[in-house]
Protein backbone atom coordinates (compact mmCIF):
# COMPACT_ATOMS: atom_id res chain seq x y z
CA MET A 1 -68.00 -31.75 -9.33
CA LEU A 2 -66.49 -30.25 -6.18
CA GLU A 3 -69.06 -30.45 -3.40
CA TYR A 4 -67.88 -27.44 -1.39
CA LYS A 5 -66.50 -25.16 -4.10
CA GLN A 6 -69.15 -22.45 -3.81
CA ALA A 7 -69.07 -22.45 0.00
CA PHE A 8 -65.30 -21.98 -0.08
CA GLU A 9 -65.49 -19.18 -2.65
CA LYS A 10 -68.00 -17.27 -0.53
CA TYR A 11 -65.97 -17.80 2.65
CA PHE A 12 -62.73 -16.50 1.14
CA ASP A 13 -64.41 -13.47 -0.41
CA GLU A 14 -65.89 -12.58 3.00
CA HIS A 15 -62.58 -13.07 4.84
CA MET A 16 -60.11 -11.61 2.30
CA SER A 17 -59.16 -8.60 4.45
CA GLU A 18 -58.31 -10.90 7.36
CA ILE A 19 -56.31 -13.20 5.08
CA ILE A 20 -54.26 -10.31 3.68
CA GLU A 21 -53.56 -9.07 7.22
CA SER A 22 -52.13 -12.48 8.10
CA LEU A 23 -50.01 -12.46 4.96
CA ALA A 24 -48.67 -9.03 5.95
CA GLU A 25 -47.65 -10.44 9.35
CA ILE A 26 -45.53 -13.27 7.97
CA ILE A 27 -44.06 -11.15 5.17
CA SER A 28 -42.80 -8.69 7.82
CA ILE A 29 -40.65 -11.42 9.42
CA GLN A 30 -37.24 -11.32 7.72
CA SER A 31 -36.86 -15.08 7.60
CA VAL A 32 -33.70 -15.37 5.52
CA ALA A 33 -32.27 -18.56 6.99
CA THR A 34 -28.60 -18.85 7.87
CA LEU A 35 -26.25 -21.33 9.50
CA ASP A 36 -24.02 -18.51 10.80
CA SER A 37 -26.12 -17.47 13.77
CA ASP A 38 -26.20 -18.00 17.52
CA VAL A 39 -29.85 -18.96 17.09
CA LYS A 40 -29.79 -22.55 15.93
CA PRO A 41 -30.40 -24.25 13.65
CA PHE A 42 -31.19 -21.60 11.00
CA GLY A 43 -31.09 -18.19 12.65
CA GLU A 44 -33.49 -15.84 14.37
CA GLY A 45 -35.59 -15.02 11.30
CA SER A 46 -36.29 -18.66 10.47
CA ALA A 47 -37.12 -19.38 14.12
CA LYS A 48 -39.56 -16.43 14.30
CA ALA A 49 -41.31 -17.50 11.11
CA LEU A 50 -41.71 -21.09 12.31
CA LYS A 51 -43.06 -19.83 15.64
CA TRP A 52 -45.59 -17.72 13.75
CA GLY A 53 -46.66 -20.79 11.78
CA GLU A 54 -46.85 -22.92 14.91
CA ASN A 55 -49.01 -20.36 16.71
CA PHE A 56 -51.35 -20.11 13.73
CA LEU A 57 -51.73 -23.89 13.58
CA LYS A 58 -52.55 -23.92 17.31
CA MET A 59 -55.13 -21.18 16.78
CA LEU A 60 -56.75 -23.44 14.20
CA GLY A 61 -57.09 -26.16 16.82
CA MET A 62 -54.44 -28.39 15.31
CA LYS A 63 -52.17 -30.61 17.38
CA THR A 64 -48.71 -29.09 16.84
CA VAL A 65 -45.12 -30.26 17.15
CA ASN A 66 -41.99 -28.12 16.83
CA VAL A 67 -39.25 -30.41 15.54
CA ASP A 68 -36.14 -28.88 17.13
CA GLY A 69 -36.48 -25.63 15.19
CA TYR A 70 -36.11 -27.38 11.84
CA ALA A 71 -39.83 -27.54 11.07
CA VAL A 72 -43.26 -27.46 12.70
CA HIS A 73 -46.39 -29.41 11.91
CA GLY A 74 -50.04 -29.51 12.86
CA ASP A 75 -52.48 -32.43 12.63
CA PHE A 76 -56.17 -31.89 11.95
CA ASN A 77 -57.16 -34.75 14.28
CA ASP A 78 -55.54 -37.54 16.29
CA ASP A 79 -55.50 -40.21 13.56
CA GLU A 80 -52.48 -41.10 11.46
CA PRO A 81 -52.32 -38.61 8.56
CA VAL A 82 -52.93 -39.83 5.02
CA LEU A 83 -51.89 -36.50 3.52
CA ALA A 84 -49.19 -33.91 4.22
CA VAL A 85 -49.20 -30.40 2.79
CA LEU A 86 -45.62 -29.11 2.90
CA SER A 87 -44.45 -25.51 2.50
CA HIS A 88 -41.64 -23.30 3.81
CA LEU A 89 -41.52 -20.02 5.70
CA ASP A 90 -37.93 -19.02 4.95
CA THR A 91 -37.08 -16.82 1.95
CA VAL A 92 -34.12 -15.83 -0.18
CA PRO A 93 -32.49 -12.48 0.68
CA ALA A 94 -34.27 -9.32 -0.43
CA GLY A 95 -31.63 -8.36 -2.99
CA GLU A 96 -31.71 -5.00 -4.73
CA GLY A 97 -33.86 -3.17 -7.25
CA TRP A 98 -37.15 -3.20 -5.36
CA SER A 99 -39.85 -0.60 -5.98
CA PHE A 100 -41.38 -1.47 -2.59
CA GLU A 101 -40.17 -2.41 0.86
CA PRO A 102 -39.35 -6.14 0.44
CA PHE A 103 -40.29 -7.18 3.97
CA ALA A 104 -43.59 -5.33 4.07
CA LEU A 105 -46.71 -6.32 2.16
CA THR A 106 -47.71 -3.74 -0.45
CA GLN A 107 -50.95 -3.96 -2.42
CA LYS A 108 -50.96 -2.16 -5.76
CA ASP A 109 -52.89 -2.69 -9.00
CA ASP A 110 -54.43 -5.97 -7.80
CA ASN A 111 -51.00 -7.38 -6.91
CA LEU A 112 -49.49 -8.16 -3.52
CA TYR A 113 -45.76 -7.34 -3.34
CA GLY A 114 -43.19 -8.57 -0.84
CA ARG A 115 -40.44 -11.16 -0.42
CA GLY A 116 -42.17 -14.51 -0.07
CA THR A 117 -45.54 -13.57 -1.54
CA ILE A 118 -45.20 -16.31 -4.17
CA ASP A 119 -42.36 -18.35 -2.63
CA ASP A 120 -43.60 -19.60 -0.24
CA LYS A 121 -45.30 -17.42 2.38
CA GLY A 122 -48.31 -16.45 0.27
CA PRO A 123 -49.11 -20.09 -0.54
CA SER A 124 -48.48 -21.05 3.11
CA VAL A 125 -51.07 -18.51 4.26
CA ALA A 126 -53.45 -19.88 1.63
CA VAL A 127 -53.01 -23.36 3.10
CA LEU A 128 -53.66 -22.07 6.63
CA TYR A 129 -56.87 -20.33 5.60
CA ALA A 130 -57.93 -23.40 3.64
CA VAL A 131 -57.77 -25.26 6.96
CA LYS A 132 -59.57 -22.40 8.74
CA ALA A 133 -62.35 -22.48 6.16
CA ILE A 134 -62.75 -26.23 6.61
CA ARG A 135 -62.99 -25.73 10.39
CA ASP A 136 -65.33 -22.73 10.29
CA LEU A 137 -67.64 -24.27 7.70
CA LYS A 138 -67.65 -27.57 9.64
CA ILE A 139 -66.86 -29.56 6.51
CA PRO A 140 -66.48 -33.25 7.41
CA ILE A 141 -62.95 -34.61 7.17
CA ASN A 142 -62.89 -38.41 7.33
CA ARG A 143 -59.11 -38.91 7.38
CA ASN A 144 -56.42 -36.89 9.10
CA PHE A 145 -54.09 -34.55 7.25
CA ARG A 146 -50.95 -32.75 8.37
CA VAL A 147 -49.65 -29.26 7.54
CA VAL A 148 -45.85 -28.99 7.67
CA PHE A 149 -43.78 -25.78 7.61
CA GLY A 150 -40.01 -25.87 7.18
CA GLY A 151 -37.41 -23.20 7.88
CA PHE A 152 -34.48 -23.90 5.52
CA GLU A 153 -35.83 -24.76 2.08
CA GLU A 154 -33.90 -21.98 0.36
CA GLY A 155 -30.68 -23.10 2.05
CA GLY A 156 -30.79 -26.66 0.78
CA CYS A 157 -33.70 -28.46 2.51
CA GLU A 158 -31.69 -29.74 5.48
CA ASP A 159 -34.78 -28.84 7.51
CA ILE A 160 -37.02 -31.39 5.89
CA LYS A 161 -34.32 -34.08 5.73
CA TYR A 162 -34.02 -33.78 9.51
CA TYR A 163 -37.80 -33.64 9.91
CA GLN A 164 -38.36 -36.88 7.99
CA GLN A 165 -35.97 -38.73 10.28
CA LYS A 166 -38.40 -37.95 13.10
CA TYR A 167 -41.71 -37.94 11.21
CA PRO A 168 -41.82 -39.89 7.93
CA PHE A 169 -44.26 -38.48 5.41
CA PRO A 170 -47.58 -40.22 4.69
CA LYS A 171 -48.23 -41.76 1.29
CA MET A 172 -49.66 -38.56 -0.22
CA VAL A 173 -47.71 -35.28 -0.12
CA PHE A 174 -48.10 -32.09 -2.10
CA THR A 175 -46.43 -28.71 -1.85
CA PRO A 176 -47.58 -25.25 -3.00
CA ASP A 177 -43.98 -24.56 -4.05
CA GLY A 178 -44.22 -24.96 -7.80
CA SER A 179 -46.78 -24.45 -10.56
CA PHE A 180 -50.32 -25.41 -11.52
CA PRO A 181 -51.88 -27.59 -12.80
CA VAL A 182 -49.75 -30.40 -11.29
CA LEU A 183 -45.96 -30.38 -11.45
CA ASN A 184 -45.03 -34.06 -11.49
CA CYS A 185 -41.70 -33.75 -13.30
CA GLU A 186 -38.76 -31.73 -12.01
CA LYS A 187 -35.49 -31.55 -13.87
CA GLY A 188 -32.22 -32.58 -12.29
CA LEU A 189 -30.03 -29.90 -10.76
CA ILE A 190 -26.31 -29.19 -10.66
CA HIS A 191 -24.75 -26.25 -8.86
CA LEU A 192 -21.12 -26.13 -9.94
CA THR A 193 -18.33 -23.70 -9.06
CA PHE A 194 -14.99 -23.17 -10.75
CA LYS A 195 -12.01 -20.84 -10.68
CA GLY A 196 -9.16 -19.56 -12.80
CA THR A 197 -6.13 -17.29 -12.56
CA LEU A 198 -6.04 -14.11 -14.63
CA GLU A 199 -2.89 -13.33 -16.60
CA LYS A 200 -1.20 -9.98 -16.07
CA ALA A 201 -1.95 -7.56 -18.87
CA GLU A 202 -2.24 -3.84 -19.50
CA LYS A 203 -6.02 -3.99 -19.28
CA TYR A 204 -7.16 -5.92 -16.23
CA ILE A 205 -9.94 -6.21 -13.67
CA PRO A 206 -8.97 -5.66 -10.02
CA TYR A 207 -12.49 -6.33 -8.78
CA LEU A 208 -15.74 -7.83 -10.07
CA LYS A 209 -18.82 -9.13 -8.28
CA ALA A 210 -21.81 -10.36 -10.24
CA GLY A 211 -24.43 -12.48 -8.48
CA THR A 212 -25.01 -13.26 -4.81
CA VAL A 213 -26.62 -16.72 -4.94
CA ILE A 214 -26.00 -19.58 -7.32
CA ASN A 215 -29.68 -20.24 -8.09
CA ALA A 216 -30.55 -16.79 -9.48
CA VAL A 217 -29.63 -14.88 -12.63
CA PRO A 218 -27.37 -12.00 -11.49
CA GLY A 219 -29.24 -8.72 -11.96
CA LYS A 220 -26.37 -6.51 -10.80
CA ALA A 221 -22.60 -6.42 -11.21
CA GLU A 222 -20.09 -4.13 -9.49
CA PHE A 223 -16.61 -3.74 -10.93
CA VAL A 224 -13.31 -1.87 -10.98
CA LEU A 225 -11.42 -1.84 -14.28
CA ALA A 226 -7.83 -0.77 -14.95
CA ASN A 227 -6.80 1.05 -18.15
CA ILE A 228 -10.26 0.71 -19.64
CA THR A 229 -12.27 3.86 -20.32
CA ALA A 230 -16.00 4.34 -19.92
CA GLU A 231 -16.26 4.91 -23.66
CA GLU A 232 -14.54 1.59 -24.39
CA LEU A 233 -16.83 -0.26 -22.00
CA GLU A 234 -19.96 1.40 -23.40
CA LYS A 235 -18.93 0.41 -26.91
CA ALA A 236 -18.29 -3.17 -25.77
CA LEU A 237 -21.80 -3.28 -24.32
CA GLU A 238 -23.48 -1.88 -27.43
CA GLY A 239 -26.74 -3.58 -28.28
CA LEU A 240 -27.57 -4.40 -24.66
CA ASP A 241 -29.93 -1.45 -24.36
CA ARG A 242 -32.06 -2.91 -21.54
CA PHE A 243 -29.07 -2.91 -19.20
CA ARG A 244 -28.15 0.22 -17.23
CA LEU A 245 -24.50 1.22 -16.86
CA ASN A 246 -23.11 3.72 -14.36
CA THR A 247 -19.39 4.46 -14.21
CA GLU A 248 -17.01 6.74 -12.36
CA PRO A 249 -13.39 7.26 -13.55
CA GLN A 250 -10.61 7.59 -10.95
CA GLY A 251 -7.27 8.06 -12.68
CA ASN A 252 -6.55 4.94 -14.70
CA MET A 253 -9.28 3.09 -12.82
CA LEU A 254 -12.94 2.90 -13.75
CA SER A 255 -15.45 1.81 -11.11
CA GLY A 256 -19.02 1.08 -12.02
CA VAL A 257 -22.23 -0.87 -11.78
CA LEU A 258 -24.09 -2.75 -14.50
CA VAL A 259 -27.77 -3.35 -13.77
CA GLY A 260 -29.79 -6.00 -15.56
CA LYS A 261 -32.63 -8.05 -14.12
CA SER A 262 -32.55 -10.92 -11.65
CA ALA A 263 -34.61 -14.07 -12.20
CA HIS A 264 -34.91 -17.56 -10.82
CA GLY A 265 -32.12 -19.83 -12.03
CA SER A 266 -34.62 -22.21 -13.61
CA ARG A 267 -36.14 -19.40 -15.68
CA PRO A 268 -33.16 -17.51 -17.08
CA GLU A 269 -35.21 -16.19 -19.99
CA ASN A 270 -36.96 -13.87 -17.51
CA GLY A 271 -33.70 -12.16 -16.51
CA LEU A 272 -30.95 -9.94 -17.90
CA ASN A 273 -27.68 -11.62 -16.97
CA THR A 274 -24.96 -9.13 -15.96
CA ALA A 275 -22.32 -11.89 -15.66
CA THR A 276 -22.58 -13.06 -19.28
CA ALA A 277 -23.02 -9.48 -20.52
CA LEU A 278 -19.75 -8.41 -18.91
CA ALA A 279 -17.99 -11.60 -20.01
CA LYS A 280 -18.92 -10.73 -23.60
CA ALA A 281 -17.83 -7.11 -23.14
CA PHE A 282 -14.49 -7.98 -21.52
CA SER A 283 -13.82 -10.49 -24.28
CA SER A 284 -14.28 -7.80 -26.92
CA LEU A 285 -11.87 -5.62 -24.92
CA GLY A 286 -9.18 -8.26 -25.34
CA ILE A 287 -9.07 -9.83 -21.88
CA LYS A 288 -8.02 -13.39 -22.65
CA GLU A 289 -9.84 -15.36 -19.94
CA PHE A 290 -13.13 -13.74 -20.87
CA ASP A 291 -12.69 -14.75 -24.48
CA LYS A 292 -12.84 -18.35 -23.26
CA LEU A 293 -15.63 -17.67 -20.79
CA SER A 294 -17.88 -15.85 -23.24
CA LYS A 295 -17.56 -18.70 -25.74
CA LEU A 296 -18.54 -21.27 -23.12
CA PHE A 297 -21.41 -19.19 -21.67
CA VAL A 298 -22.81 -17.38 -24.68
CA HIS A 299 -24.73 -14.27 -23.68
CA GLY A 300 -28.43 -14.76 -24.42
CA ASP A 301 -28.16 -18.55 -24.77
CA HIS A 302 -29.22 -20.71 -21.81
CA SER A 303 -28.88 -24.16 -23.36
CA GLY A 304 -25.25 -25.11 -22.73
CA LYS A 305 -24.87 -26.09 -26.41
CA ALA A 306 -21.49 -24.36 -26.63
CA MET A 307 -20.16 -26.93 -24.15
CA GLY A 308 -21.72 -29.93 -25.89
CA MET A 309 -25.01 -30.06 -23.99
CA GLY A 310 -28.33 -28.47 -25.02
CA PHE A 311 -30.26 -31.65 -24.22
CA SER A 312 -34.03 -32.03 -24.11
CA ASP A 313 -36.66 -34.75 -23.91
CA SER A 314 -40.38 -35.04 -24.59
CA VAL A 315 -41.36 -35.06 -20.90
CA SER A 316 -39.18 -32.45 -19.21
CA GLY A 317 -38.32 -30.21 -22.16
CA GLU A 318 -35.09 -28.29 -22.71
CA MET A 319 -32.26 -28.04 -20.22
CA THR A 320 -30.79 -24.76 -18.96
CA CYS A 321 -27.19 -23.88 -18.12
CA VAL A 322 -26.60 -20.43 -16.63
CA LEU A 323 -23.55 -18.55 -15.40
CA THR A 324 -25.00 -17.08 -12.20
CA GLN A 325 -21.93 -15.91 -10.25
CA LEU A 326 -18.79 -14.23 -11.51
CA ASN A 327 -16.23 -12.69 -9.16
CA ILE A 328 -12.66 -11.40 -9.39
CA GLU A 329 -10.43 -10.49 -6.50
CA ASP A 330 -6.63 -10.69 -6.12
CA ASN A 331 -6.31 -11.83 -9.73
CA ILE A 332 -8.45 -14.94 -9.07
CA LEU A 333 -11.66 -15.51 -11.00
CA THR A 334 -14.37 -17.57 -9.30
CA ALA A 335 -17.73 -18.45 -10.81
CA GLY A 336 -20.92 -20.42 -10.24
CA VAL A 337 -23.21 -22.25 -12.66
CA ASP A 338 -26.85 -23.30 -12.33
CA ILE A 339 -27.85 -26.29 -14.50
CA ARG A 340 -31.32 -27.88 -14.84
CA PHE A 341 -31.25 -31.06 -16.96
CA PRO A 342 -33.90 -33.44 -18.40
CA ILE A 343 -35.06 -36.62 -16.68
CA ASP A 344 -33.42 -38.87 -19.28
CA LYS A 345 -29.96 -37.71 -18.19
CA THR A 346 -27.99 -38.22 -14.99
CA SER A 347 -26.00 -35.70 -12.98
CA ALA A 348 -22.84 -37.73 -13.68
CA GLU A 349 -23.33 -37.32 -17.43
CA ILE A 350 -23.96 -33.58 -17.28
CA LYS A 351 -21.24 -32.90 -14.72
CA GLY A 352 -18.76 -34.80 -16.85
CA ILE A 353 -19.50 -32.77 -19.97
CA ILE A 354 -19.29 -29.33 -18.37
CA SER A 355 -16.25 -30.30 -16.30
CA ASP A 356 -14.41 -31.41 -19.43
CA ALA A 357 -15.31 -28.18 -21.23
CA LEU A 358 -14.17 -25.96 -18.36
CA THR A 359 -10.92 -27.80 -17.62
CA ALA A 360 -10.05 -27.87 -21.33
CA ASN A 361 -10.18 -24.07 -21.20
CA GLY A 362 -7.91 -23.78 -18.17
CA PHE A 363 -10.51 -23.54 -15.38
CA GLU A 364 -10.55 -25.68 -12.24
CA ILE A 365 -13.74 -27.22 -10.83
CA THR A 366 -14.02 -26.39 -7.11
CA SER A 367 -17.38 -27.93 -6.16
CA ALA A 368 -20.46 -29.62 -7.60
CA GLU A 369 -23.73 -30.27 -5.81
CA CYS A 370 -26.10 -32.55 -7.71
CA MET A 371 -29.71 -33.64 -7.54
CA GLU A 372 -31.21 -36.25 -9.83
CA PRO A 373 -34.52 -35.54 -11.61
CA HIS A 374 -37.85 -36.18 -9.86
CA TYR A 375 -40.80 -37.84 -11.61
CA VAL A 376 -44.18 -39.12 -10.39
CA ASP A 377 -46.53 -41.20 -12.54
CA GLU A 378 -49.59 -39.16 -13.50
CA ASN A 379 -51.91 -42.10 -12.80
CA THR A 380 -51.45 -42.04 -9.02
CA GLU A 381 -54.42 -41.24 -6.78
CA LEU A 382 -52.73 -38.04 -5.61
CA VAL A 383 -52.08 -36.68 -9.09
CA GLN A 384 -55.47 -37.63 -10.51
CA THR A 385 -57.29 -36.06 -7.56
CA LEU A 386 -55.31 -32.83 -7.81
CA LEU A 387 -56.02 -32.65 -11.55
CA LYS A 388 -59.73 -33.07 -10.80
CA VAL A 389 -59.55 -30.24 -8.25
CA TYR A 390 -57.69 -28.02 -10.70
CA GLU A 391 -60.34 -28.54 -13.36
CA GLY A 392 -63.17 -27.99 -10.88
CA VAL A 393 -61.75 -24.73 -9.51
CA SER A 394 -60.27 -23.21 -12.66
CA GLY A 395 -62.64 -24.55 -15.30
CA GLN A 396 -59.57 -25.39 -17.38
CA LYS A 397 -58.28 -28.80 -18.46
CA GLY A 398 -55.87 -30.24 -15.93
CA GLU A 399 -52.62 -31.76 -17.11
CA CYS A 400 -49.24 -32.62 -15.70
CA ILE A 401 -46.32 -30.31 -16.41
CA ALA A 402 -42.54 -30.31 -16.08
CA GLU A 403 -40.28 -27.49 -14.90
CA GLY A 404 -36.67 -26.78 -14.07
CA GLY A 405 -37.39 -25.42 -10.61
CA VAL A 406 -36.58 -27.69 -7.68
CA THR A 407 -39.58 -27.74 -5.38
CA TYR A 408 -39.77 -28.68 -1.74
CA VAL A 409 -40.72 -32.27 -2.60
CA HIS A 410 -37.93 -32.94 -5.08
CA ASP A 411 -36.48 -35.70 -2.88
CA THR A 412 -39.82 -37.04 -1.62
CA GLU A 413 -40.96 -40.15 -3.46
CA GLY A 414 -44.46 -39.89 -4.93
CA ALA A 415 -44.90 -36.22 -3.98
CA VAL A 416 -45.81 -33.40 -6.37
CA ALA A 417 -46.13 -29.62 -6.50
CA PHE A 418 -49.62 -28.16 -6.82
CA GLY A 419 -49.31 -24.45 -7.53
CA ALA A 420 -48.82 -21.81 -6.36
CA GLU A 421 -48.30 -19.96 -9.65
CA PHE A 422 -49.31 -20.59 -13.24
CA PRO A 423 -46.72 -21.36 -15.94
CA TRP A 424 -47.60 -18.21 -17.89
CA GLU A 425 -47.02 -15.90 -14.90
CA ASN A 426 -43.82 -14.08 -14.05
CA ASN A 427 -44.06 -13.28 -10.36
CA ASN A 428 -40.37 -12.31 -10.03
CA MET A 429 -39.70 -15.25 -7.75
CA HIS A 430 -36.28 -14.72 -6.11
CA GLY A 431 -36.08 -11.30 -7.80
CA ALA A 432 -37.00 -7.70 -7.03
CA ASP A 433 -40.72 -6.89 -6.70
CA GLU A 434 -41.73 -10.49 -6.07
CA HIS A 435 -45.52 -10.60 -6.06
CA ILE A 436 -48.71 -12.60 -6.37
CA SER A 437 -51.85 -11.31 -8.01
CA LEU A 438 -55.01 -11.19 -5.95
CA GLU A 439 -56.65 -13.41 -8.55
CA THR A 440 -53.96 -16.08 -8.20
CA PHE A 441 -54.03 -15.76 -4.41
CA ARG A 442 -57.80 -16.39 -4.40
CA THR A 443 -57.25 -19.36 -6.68
CA ASN A 444 -54.64 -20.73 -4.23
CA LEU A 445 -57.14 -20.55 -1.40
CA ASN A 446 -59.82 -22.40 -3.35
CA MET A 447 -57.42 -24.99 -4.75
CA TYR A 448 -55.95 -25.95 -1.39
CA ALA A 449 -59.25 -26.07 0.49
CA ASN A 450 -60.86 -28.29 -2.14
CA ALA A 451 -57.72 -30.43 -2.52
CA ILE A 452 -57.53 -31.20 1.21
CA VAL A 453 -61.22 -32.16 1.29
CA GLU A 454 -61.01 -34.39 -1.80
CA LEU A 455 -57.82 -36.13 -0.65
CA THR A 456 -59.15 -36.93 2.81
CA LYS A 457 -62.53 -38.38 1.80
């Protein structure tokens, strides 16, 4: 039984307009972090977002520290914290295909739209108002907790690596950067790039760009084709009726755009992959390199079985292997792959298999960034308490889950993700029209308020 559940529910219902106004403020800050800026370390947008978070923490009466622009934190009282709640205020780029302004909060049909509403600005605001509710309701907190906001999660988590050198985390850490009930198992990750040289032929591709980031299914591809007609391309794409194709002939050249649907790299089943669709089409048009590519990355299959992978285990489930970037310029093909693999495998094993498959087909590996899987025993105090909170707030049975997404605590021993979305939801994270439902947002508020209270008893 959660002692303050009803008090929190009433508080959030009464303050929802204020909470949504605060969410609109942080959504309006275009906090796409970058290393290529005069504003160090992560650009003006990241700095503005962290300043917003710092000011809000101060307004809540928390003792704040700005850690050299990498992160900010606020302590509830002066004691050593036993708990840290970690989230990030940077976002991925807006991308294309939005029905709404990406950096403005739009409320429609009981959903809140905007870049960051689910990852991770919406959950961050929920954490802030959880703290505000605890303050305003004068709920006793016996042990200190810390709220931490980072500014470069989407760029590789250099922010929090730097932060931990200055301020090591307490024993208990959770992040609202994953899924409910409790995400205690995260698959390993490999981001691999490769290249190849295209042979000269009558039909060729002077230019192709599919995908902008390696951790998202490419929802758009731009291209220029030589000696290939629109009719030939349309025929090669037959059966892919959910894609949209626009072309414009210019002499023997055909320029065009193929539109599919972007999705998070860990959830490729939610997207329509323009890179693999075009690889399949170009293969059927007789372009040799794409015959190899389409057999390695089979359109519609995300398992990597064609390259000798397709692994799964009973804890983390099935792996994914997705061609997320595909570019051609000056007769050079470059590509990127997003792989999420089970906890019973190592990055060395998976990298070895895909590298062998690619090099055997004439491609050259150019880079590989790897992260090993993350797993936390479900019997820890942190996990068991969060499961209790989940059951108390939702009325549903709490259980640990595994996902392919890499959360903010992937490299933090003993830490887990607690929300912010449910496994059955598709909030278009990293895609167009990213959103959070009002119902889920309310649940976030209640979950985080009750979790902080229960973990600091």
